[in-house]
């Protein structure tokens, strides 16, 4: 199928949808007229049939093109917003659960290489100390369970203490 036939087919589909500009309608009418007249028709007949000057046609084309770009941009923006909302909706429930257990999410800080190396060295030291601990060697799961219950209890006490201090300041 040639370019002109494709263009005519597209214009016909636009007329059926009702989203066609006056330029496109006039162009479609002239295409049908030239088809009836044969190959001998020239561009002067088109301008007379349409009643638009060359400058007016160019402005009409430009306006139609800008409208189509605007529509495409709006569609892309809507799709982008939908994808953001969907991904954020999935994360929302997990964020709520994390914030309820930790008392809020703190923004991640960027670490320098020196800080990272210090942290790794400290963690390795702590890991070795845990592995050498006699309670962990005898029953690792019970030791971890006991450690978690103790640390969670301490965290709750700290949170309650902070909440009490905040409420005391408000009075």
Protein backbone atom coordinates (compact mmCIF):
# COMPACT_ATOMS: atom_id res chain seq x y z
CA UNK A 1 0.00 0.00 0.00
CA UNK A 2 1.43 3.39 -1.01
CA UNK A 3 1.87 6.42 1.20
CA UNK A 4 -1.03 8.31 -0.33
CA UNK A 5 -3.39 5.37 0.07
CA UNK A 6 -2.31 4.95 3.70
CA UNK A 7 -2.86 8.64 4.32
CA UNK A 8 -6.32 8.51 2.76
CA UNK A 9 -7.19 5.43 4.81
CA UNK A 10 -6.06 7.19 7.98
CA UNK A 11 -8.13 10.25 7.11
CA UNK A 12 -11.18 8.06 6.51
CA UNK A 13 -10.74 6.46 9.92
CA UNK A 14 -10.46 9.90 11.50
CA UNK A 15 -13.70 11.02 9.86
CA UNK A 16 -15.45 7.95 11.21
CA UNK A 17 -14.13 8.74 14.71
CA UNK A 18 -15.13 12.39 14.40
CA UNK A 19 -11.67 13.66 15.38
CA UNK A 20 -10.72 15.27 12.08
CA UNK A 21 -9.81 18.89 11.40
CA UNK A 22 -11.24 21.02 8.63
CA UNK A 23 -7.97 20.72 6.74
CA UNK A 24 -8.11 16.94 6.82
CA UNK A 25 -11.75 16.95 5.69
CA UNK A 26 -10.97 19.29 2.81
CA UNK A 27 -7.96 17.20 1.83
CA UNK A 28 -10.07 14.07 1.84
CA UNK A 29 -12.66 15.75 -0.38
CA UNK A 30 -10.00 16.84 -2.86
CA UNK A 31 -8.49 13.36 -2.95
CA UNK A 32 -11.87 11.98 -3.98
CA UNK A 33 -12.27 14.71 -6.62
CA UNK A 34 -8.83 14.08 -8.10
CA UNK A 35 -9.58 10.38 -8.23
CA UNK A 36 -12.68 11.08 -10.31
CA UNK A 37 -10.90 13.58 -12.58
CA UNK A 38 -7.97 11.29 -13.28
CA UNK A 39 -4.26 11.94 -13.39
CA UNK A 40 -4.58 15.26 -15.23
CA UNK A 41 -5.65 17.25 -12.16
CA UNK A 42 -3.25 19.84 -10.82
CA UNK A 43 -2.72 21.48 -7.44
CA UNK A 44 -4.60 24.66 -8.47
CA UNK A 45 -7.86 22.70 -8.56
CA UNK A 46 -7.24 21.57 -4.96
CA UNK A 47 -6.82 25.10 -3.63
CA UNK A 48 -9.92 26.29 -5.45
CA UNK A 49 -11.94 23.33 -4.18
CA UNK A 50 -10.80 23.87 -0.62
CA UNK A 51 -10.86 27.65 -0.60
CA UNK A 52 -7.73 27.89 1.54
CA UNK A 53 -4.50 29.63 0.66
CA UNK A 54 -1.19 27.89 0.90
CA UNK A 55 -0.37 29.78 4.09
CA UNK A 56 -3.71 28.84 5.67
CA UNK A 57 -3.19 25.19 4.81
CA UNK A 58 0.27 25.27 6.35
CA UNK A 59 -1.08 26.82 9.55
CA UNK A 60 -3.89 24.26 9.68
CA UNK A 61 -1.40 21.41 9.24
CA UNK A 62 0.82 22.83 11.94
CA UNK A 63 -2.13 23.20 14.32
CA UNK A 64 -3.22 19.60 13.69
CA UNK A 65 0.31 18.35 14.22
CA UNK A 66 0.67 20.24 17.50
CA UNK A 67 -2.69 18.88 18.68
CA UNK A 68 -1.60 15.32 17.96
CA UNK A 69 1.70 15.91 19.80
CA UNK A 70 -0.18 17.34 22.76
CA UNK A 71 -2.50 14.31 22.86
CA UNK A 72 0.44 11.90 22.67
CA UNK A 73 2.25 13.75 25.44
CA UNK A 74 -0.83 13.66 27.66
CA UNK A 75 -1.21 9.91 27.07
CA UNK A 76 2.44 9.29 27.96
CA UNK A 77 2.10 11.43 31.10
CA UNK A 78 -1.01 9.50 32.16
CA UNK A 79 0.74 6.16 31.62
CA UNK A 80 3.79 7.37 33.54
CA UNK A 81 1.61 8.58 36.41
CA UNK A 82 -0.29 5.28 36.47
CA UNK A 83 2.92 3.28 36.59
CA UNK A 84 4.24 5.48 39.40
CA UNK A 85 1.02 5.10 41.36
CA UNK A 86 0.97 1.33 40.89
CA UNK A 87 4.54 0.91 42.07
CA UNK A 88 4.00 3.31 44.96
CA UNK A 89 0.77 1.57 45.96
CA UNK A 90 2.60 -1.72 46.30
CA UNK A 91 5.28 -0.13 48.42
CA UNK A 92 2.85 1.77 50.61
CA UNK A 93 1.77 -1.23 52.66
CA UNK A 94 5.35 -2.36 53.21
CA UNK A 95 6.37 1.17 54.21
CA UNK A 96 3.57 1.33 56.76
CA UNK A 97 4.62 -1.96 58.31
CA UNK A 98 8.25 -0.93 58.45
CA UNK A 99 7.47 2.48 59.88
CA UNK A 100 5.24 0.98 62.57
CA UNK A 101 8.00 -1.35 63.73
CA UNK A 102 10.91 1.06 63.46
CA UNK A 103 9.26 4.34 64.41
CA UNK A 104 9.88 5.95 61.03
CA UNK A 105 12.10 5.61 58.04
CA UNK A 106 15.35 7.48 58.07
CA UNK A 107 16.89 8.59 54.79
CA UNK A 108 19.93 6.62 53.73
CA UNK A 109 23.18 8.49 54.17
CA UNK A 110 25.97 8.18 51.69
CA UNK A 111 29.06 6.62 53.15
CA UNK A 112 32.61 7.35 52.18
CA UNK A 113 34.99 4.49 51.50
CA UNK A 114 36.72 5.10 54.83
CA UNK A 115 33.41 4.91 56.73
CA UNK A 116 32.43 1.77 54.84
CA UNK A 117 35.72 0.06 55.67
CA UNK A 118 35.35 0.96 59.35
CA UNK A 119 31.81 -0.39 59.40
CA UNK A 120 32.85 -3.65 57.75
CA UNK A 121 35.73 -4.09 60.19
CA UNK A 122 33.38 -3.46 63.12
CA UNK A 123 30.79 -5.91 61.81
CA UNK A 124 33.40 -8.61 61.23
CA UNK A 125 34.64 -8.08 64.78
CA UNK A 126 31.07 -8.38 66.16
CA UNK A 127 30.42 -11.48 64.04
CA UNK A 128 33.56 -13.18 65.32
CA UNK A 129 32.60 -12.32 68.91
CA UNK A 130 29.13 -13.86 68.39
CA UNK A 131 30.58 -17.01 66.83
CA UNK A 132 32.97 -17.48 69.76
CA UNK A 133 30.31 -16.87 72.43
CA UNK A 134 29.63 -20.12 74.37
CA UNK A 135 25.83 -19.61 74.48
CA UNK A 136 25.73 -19.25 70.70
CA UNK A 137 27.93 -22.30 70.20
CA UNK A 138 25.71 -24.46 72.41
CA UNK A 139 22.31 -23.37 70.94
CA UNK A 140 22.45 -20.74 68.18
CA UNK A 141 18.70 -20.39 67.49
CA UNK A 142 17.72 -19.87 71.12
CA UNK A 143 20.52 -17.35 71.57
CA UNK A 144 19.38 -15.34 68.52
CA UNK A 145 15.76 -15.50 69.69
CA UNK A 146 16.70 -14.24 73.15
CA UNK A 147 18.82 -11.45 71.68
CA UNK A 148 15.97 -10.28 69.42
CA UNK A 149 13.38 -10.26 72.21
CA UNK A 150 15.75 -8.28 74.46
CA UNK A 151 16.66 -5.75 71.76
CA UNK A 152 13.01 -5.25 70.72
CA UNK A 153 12.02 -4.69 74.35
CA UNK A 154 14.78 -2.09 74.73
CA UNK A 155 13.65 -0.36 71.52
CA UNK A 156 10.04 -0.19 72.70
CA UNK A 157 11.11 1.28 76.03
CA UNK A 158 13.15 3.94 74.24
CA UNK A 159 10.25 4.81 71.94
CA UNK A 160 7.84 5.06 74.86
CA UNK A 161 10.32 7.23 76.73
CA UNK A 162 10.61 9.56 73.74
CA UNK A 163 6.84 9.73 73.35
CA UNK A 164 6.42 10.53 77.04
CA UNK A 165 9.02 13.30 76.80
CA UNK A 166 7.31 14.75 73.72
CA UNK A 167 3.90 14.70 75.41
CA UNK A 168 5.41 16.28 78.55
CA UNK A 169 6.75 19.18 76.48
CA UNK A 170 3.36 19.87 74.95
CA UNK A 171 1.73 20.40 78.35
